[in-house]
């Protein structure tokens, strides 16, 4: 009797654990079926940031730079709640977003003055030669990331930038 009860309890606990894991995986995906959070970029040169998911909500900010990287943190129908590198959050229509990956060079260092740069290197290692020096706040394209470095293109220069010095790819994220 005790063994049967113990087996039943273990089976129920295992079932609940599997269900909880499944729910956690589902919660990490938005209405689109894509993972949340995730990085995208602004497709349009003019993008209204709204306080809610719809055109009836007030505009709190207007972005005027296509290619700016943003992070999608929530989805509701065809609206996406985004966060920018400064931490500003709001809602935009999904048609104004692109899956093209871009990044900002060390936006947290913008206010530190001149003479601070993010080095773009020929190869994905800190000892590789520098191909370009990016000022904090510069926006550039990301072609791929290996978890430590991102192959990038900025203002006609190509090379690798340390993932720890950009906003637009998660630490340890790898993609091609």
Protein backbone atom coordinates (compact mmCIF):
# COMPACT_ATOMS: atom_id res chain seq x y z
CA UNK A 1 0.00 0.00 0.00
CA UNK A 2 2.77 2.44 0.96
CA UNK A 3 4.69 1.65 -2.23
CA UNK A 4 1.64 2.28 -4.36
CA UNK A 5 1.02 5.59 -2.62
CA UNK A 6 4.68 6.54 -2.97
CA UNK A 7 4.66 5.66 -6.68
CA UNK A 8 1.49 7.65 -7.21
CA UNK A 9 2.96 10.69 -5.42
CA UNK A 10 6.16 10.43 -7.46
CA UNK A 11 4.19 10.15 -10.71
CA UNK A 12 2.09 13.19 -9.81
CA UNK A 13 5.19 15.20 -8.80
CA UNK A 14 6.96 14.25 -12.03
CA UNK A 15 3.89 15.20 -14.05
CA UNK A 16 3.64 18.57 -12.31
CA UNK A 17 7.35 19.23 -12.86
CA UNK A 18 7.03 18.45 -16.58
CA UNK A 19 3.94 20.65 -16.83
CA UNK A 20 5.73 23.52 -15.06
CA UNK A 21 8.71 23.20 -17.40
CA UNK A 22 6.38 23.21 -20.41
CA UNK A 23 4.58 26.31 -19.10
CA UNK A 24 7.92 28.08 -18.54
CA UNK A 25 8.97 27.34 -22.11
CA UNK A 26 5.61 28.57 -23.40
CA UNK A 27 5.83 31.75 -21.31
CA UNK A 28 9.19 32.52 -22.94
CA UNK A 29 7.44 32.85 -26.31
CA UNK A 30 5.21 35.67 -27.42
CA UNK A 31 1.95 35.62 -29.39
CA UNK A 32 4.07 35.37 -32.56
CA UNK A 33 5.64 32.13 -31.34
CA UNK A 34 9.06 33.82 -31.27
CA UNK A 35 11.14 33.99 -28.08
CA UNK A 36 10.81 36.83 -25.59
CA UNK A 37 12.78 38.90 -25.02
CA UNK A 38 14.57 39.27 -28.38
CA UNK A 39 16.43 41.97 -30.28
CA UNK A 40 15.18 43.52 -33.52
CA UNK A 41 15.69 46.92 -35.15
CA UNK A 42 13.48 49.79 -36.25
CA UNK A 43 12.53 49.45 -39.91
CA UNK A 44 11.18 52.94 -40.42
CA UNK A 45 12.83 56.34 -40.05
CA UNK A 46 9.84 57.59 -38.02
CA UNK A 47 8.40 55.31 -35.33
CA UNK A 48 5.88 56.40 -32.70
CA UNK A 49 6.32 54.90 -29.24
CA UNK A 50 2.92 54.59 -27.52
CA UNK A 51 1.83 54.01 -23.93
CA UNK A 52 -0.37 51.08 -24.98
CA UNK A 53 -0.87 48.56 -27.80
CA UNK A 54 -3.02 50.54 -30.24
CA UNK A 55 -3.30 53.77 -32.20
CA UNK A 56 -5.80 55.13 -29.65
CA UNK A 57 -2.98 55.31 -27.06
CA UNK A 58 -0.92 58.47 -26.67
CA UNK A 59 2.48 58.83 -28.34
CA UNK A 60 5.22 59.36 -25.74
CA UNK A 61 8.24 59.45 -28.05
CA UNK A 62 9.14 59.42 -31.73
CA UNK A 63 12.22 57.59 -32.95
CA UNK A 64 13.80 59.15 -36.04
CA UNK A 65 16.51 56.62 -36.82
CA UNK A 66 15.93 53.50 -38.91
CA UNK A 67 18.17 50.63 -37.82
CA UNK A 68 18.10 51.46 -34.11
CA UNK A 69 18.28 48.22 -32.10
CA UNK A 70 15.40 47.58 -29.69
CA UNK A 71 14.42 44.68 -27.50
CA UNK A 72 10.93 43.17 -27.76
CA UNK A 73 9.80 42.38 -24.23
CA UNK A 74 6.07 41.72 -24.74
CA UNK A 75 3.58 41.05 -27.54
CA UNK A 76 -0.12 41.77 -27.93
CA UNK A 77 -1.73 40.95 -31.27
CA UNK A 78 0.24 42.98 -33.86
CA UNK A 79 1.79 45.29 -31.24
CA UNK A 80 5.19 44.88 -29.61
CA UNK A 81 6.34 46.39 -26.33
CA UNK A 82 9.94 47.42 -26.85
CA UNK A 83 12.84 48.70 -24.76
CA UNK A 84 15.69 50.79 -26.15
CA UNK A 85 19.31 51.01 -24.98
CA UNK A 86 18.41 53.83 -22.58
CA UNK A 87 15.69 51.71 -20.92
CA UNK A 88 12.73 53.60 -22.45
CA UNK A 89 9.74 51.28 -22.97
CA UNK A 90 6.58 51.54 -25.02
CA UNK A 91 4.48 49.96 -27.75
CA UNK A 92 5.01 49.99 -31.54
CA UNK A 93 3.24 48.26 -34.41
CA UNK A 94 5.11 45.15 -35.60
CA UNK A 95 5.19 46.46 -39.20
CA UNK A 96 7.68 49.11 -38.05
CA UNK A 97 10.18 46.49 -36.83
CA UNK A 98 12.76 44.45 -38.73
CA UNK A 99 14.43 41.16 -37.87
CA UNK A 100 17.74 42.66 -39.05
CA UNK A 101 20.17 42.66 -36.14
CA UNK A 102 21.93 45.86 -35.23
CA UNK A 103 23.75 47.01 -32.11
CA UNK A 104 24.87 50.13 -30.30
CA UNK A 105 28.52 50.43 -29.28
CA UNK A 106 28.72 50.74 -25.47
CA UNK A 107 25.81 53.16 -24.95
CA UNK A 108 26.57 53.21 -21.20
CA UNK A 109 29.90 54.97 -21.99
CA UNK A 110 28.42 57.88 -24.01
CA UNK A 111 28.67 60.38 -21.17
CA UNK A 112 32.27 59.56 -20.22
CA UNK A 113 33.80 61.98 -22.68
CA UNK A 114 36.18 61.69 -25.57
CA UNK A 115 38.94 59.15 -26.00
CA UNK A 116 36.83 56.09 -25.17
CA UNK A 117 36.19 53.68 -28.04
CA UNK A 118 34.96 50.19 -28.78
CA UNK A 119 37.51 48.37 -30.91
CA UNK A 120 36.42 46.42 -33.97
CA UNK A 121 39.01 43.70 -34.60
CA UNK A 122 40.07 41.68 -37.63
CA UNK A 123 39.46 38.35 -35.82
CA UNK A 124 37.30 37.38 -32.83
CA UNK A 125 40.02 37.72 -30.21
CA UNK A 126 41.31 40.60 -28.11
CA UNK A 127 44.84 40.26 -29.51
CA UNK A 128 43.69 40.73 -33.15
CA UNK A 129 44.49 43.96 -34.96
CA UNK A 130 41.99 46.81 -34.76
CA UNK A 131 40.10 47.52 -38.01
CA UNK A 132 38.00 50.41 -36.64
CA UNK A 133 37.36 52.35 -33.46
CA UNK A 134 33.69 52.93 -32.73
CA UNK A 135 32.53 55.81 -30.55
CA UNK A 136 29.99 54.90 -27.85
CA UNK A 137 26.50 55.24 -29.29
CA UNK A 138 27.42 54.30 -32.87
CA UNK A 139 24.85 51.97 -34.47
CA UNK A 140 26.10 49.13 -36.66
CA UNK A 141 24.93 45.87 -38.26
CA UNK A 142 25.56 42.48 -36.68
CA UNK A 143 26.12 39.60 -39.12
CA UNK A 144 26.65 36.83 -36.55
CA UNK A 145 27.66 36.25 -32.94
CA UNK A 146 29.55 33.31 -31.45
CA UNK A 147 28.71 33.96 -27.79
CA UNK A 148 31.74 36.18 -27.13
CA UNK A 149 32.21 38.19 -30.32
CA UNK A 150 29.93 39.56 -33.05
CA UNK A 151 30.97 39.89 -36.69
CA UNK A 152 29.87 43.39 -37.58
CA UNK A 153 29.84 46.11 -40.21
CA UNK A 154 29.99 49.81 -39.37
CA UNK A 155 30.47 52.72 -41.73
CA UNK A 156 32.28 50.62 -44.34
CA UNK A 157 34.46 48.71 -41.87
CA UNK A 158 34.04 45.03 -41.09
CA UNK A 159 35.33 43.06 -38.16
CA UNK A 160 34.54 41.57 -34.76
CA UNK A 161 33.30 43.43 -31.70
CA UNK A 162 33.26 41.99 -28.19
CA UNK A 163 29.71 41.11 -27.15
CA UNK A 164 30.36 42.66 -23.75
CA UNK A 165 30.86 46.08 -25.36
CA UNK A 166 27.57 46.30 -27.27
CA UNK A 167 23.83 46.55 -26.71
CA UNK A 168 21.97 44.44 -29.25
CA UNK A 169 23.04 40.85 -28.45
CA UNK A 170 22.62 38.97 -25.20
CA UNK A 171 25.66 37.74 -23.26
CA UNK A 172 26.51 34.28 -24.57
CA UNK A 173 24.02 34.52 -27.47
CA UNK A 174 25.18 32.80 -30.65
CA UNK A 175 23.55 33.08 -34.08
CA UNK A 176 24.38 33.26 -37.80
